[in-house]
């Protein structure tokens, strides 16, 4: 049981390292070690099927911030009929 948990943590850490720029030599060495471990143990499919990647692909809807009714600028925009 502990082994599966450690594997999941290692796969998640590799995904985090690969999702952004490597800023230090320690991160580069950790990425290289984890990547080699995934390839040597044939864990590429388990790596691709992580929950991390399904969360990364989620689309966030952006909208307008609610207006502050007390703001003078907001009242001015309302006066002009701008939403």
Protein backbone atom coordinates (compact mmCIF):
# COMPACT_ATOMS: atom_id res chain seq x y z
CA UNK A 1 0.00 0.00 0.00
CA UNK A 2 2.79 2.40 0.91
CA UNK A 3 4.58 1.53 -2.32
CA UNK A 4 1.59 2.62 -4.44
CA UNK A 5 1.37 5.88 -2.52
CA UNK A 6 5.08 6.57 -3.04
CA UNK A 7 4.71 5.79 -6.74
CA UNK A 8 1.77 8.20 -7.04
CA UNK A 9 3.72 10.93 -5.26
CA UNK A 10 6.74 10.41 -7.52
CA UNK A 11 4.60 10.47 -10.68
CA UNK A 12 2.87 13.65 -9.54
CA UNK A 13 6.21 15.30 -8.76
CA UNK A 14 7.47 14.41 -12.24
CA UNK A 15 4.35 15.91 -13.80
CA UNK A 16 4.85 19.11 -11.79
CA UNK A 17 8.48 19.33 -12.84
CA UNK A 18 7.58 18.83 -16.49
CA UNK A 19 4.79 21.40 -16.43
CA UNK A 20 7.08 24.34 -15.75
CA UNK A 21 10.63 25.51 -16.31
CA UNK A 22 13.39 23.84 -14.32
CA UNK A 23 14.97 26.63 -12.30
CA UNK A 24 17.76 24.90 -10.37
CA UNK A 25 20.21 22.09 -10.94
CA UNK A 26 18.53 20.13 -8.13
CA UNK A 27 15.23 20.23 -10.04
CA UNK A 28 17.02 19.13 -13.21
CA UNK A 29 18.65 16.19 -11.44
CA UNK A 30 15.36 15.22 -9.76
CA UNK A 31 13.53 15.40 -13.12
CA UNK A 32 16.20 13.26 -14.80
CA UNK A 33 16.10 10.66 -12.01
CA UNK A 34 12.28 10.47 -11.98
CA UNK A 35 12.05 10.34 -15.78
CA UNK A 36 14.58 7.50 -15.94
CA UNK A 37 12.69 5.66 -13.17
CA UNK A 38 9.39 5.95 -15.08
CA UNK A 39 10.91 4.68 -18.31
CA UNK A 40 12.91 1.85 -16.71
CA UNK A 41 9.89 0.54 -14.77
CA UNK A 42 7.51 0.87 -17.74
CA UNK A 43 5.27 3.34 -15.91
CA UNK A 44 4.61 5.61 -18.89
CA UNK A 45 0.93 4.63 -19.08
CA UNK A 46 0.45 5.15 -15.34
CA UNK A 47 2.16 8.53 -15.75
CA UNK A 48 -0.19 9.58 -18.56
CA UNK A 49 -3.34 8.45 -16.70
CA UNK A 50 -2.73 10.57 -13.60
CA UNK A 51 -5.48 12.69 -12.08
CA UNK A 52 -3.07 15.65 -12.37
CA UNK A 53 -3.43 15.74 -16.16
CA UNK A 54 -7.22 15.61 -16.11
CA UNK A 55 -7.22 18.64 -13.78
CA UNK A 56 -4.76 20.52 -15.96
CA UNK A 57 -7.06 20.22 -18.98
CA UNK A 58 -10.03 21.79 -17.18
CA UNK A 59 -11.25 25.01 -18.71
CA UNK A 60 -11.95 27.92 -16.44
CA UNK A 61 -14.55 30.43 -17.50
CA UNK A 62 -13.52 34.01 -17.07
CA UNK A 63 -16.09 36.70 -16.57
CA UNK A 64 -16.42 40.25 -15.45
CA UNK A 65 -15.85 41.04 -11.82
CA UNK A 66 -18.96 42.16 -9.98
CA UNK A 67 -19.36 45.90 -9.82
CA UNK A 68 -18.80 47.70 -6.58
CA UNK A 69 -22.02 49.66 -6.10
CA UNK A 70 -20.31 52.17 -3.84
CA UNK A 71 -17.61 53.04 -6.35
CA UNK A 72 -17.93 56.44 -8.05
CA UNK A 73 -16.49 54.95 -11.24
CA UNK A 74 -19.08 52.17 -11.18
CA UNK A 75 -21.87 54.71 -10.76
CA UNK A 76 -20.48 56.70 -13.67
CA UNK A 77 -20.48 53.59 -15.91
CA UNK A 78 -24.03 52.79 -14.84
CA UNK A 79 -25.04 56.36 -15.63
CA UNK A 80 -23.59 55.98 -19.14
CA UNK A 81 -25.36 52.66 -19.61
CA UNK A 82 -22.16 50.62 -19.86
CA UNK A 83 -22.33 47.15 -18.33
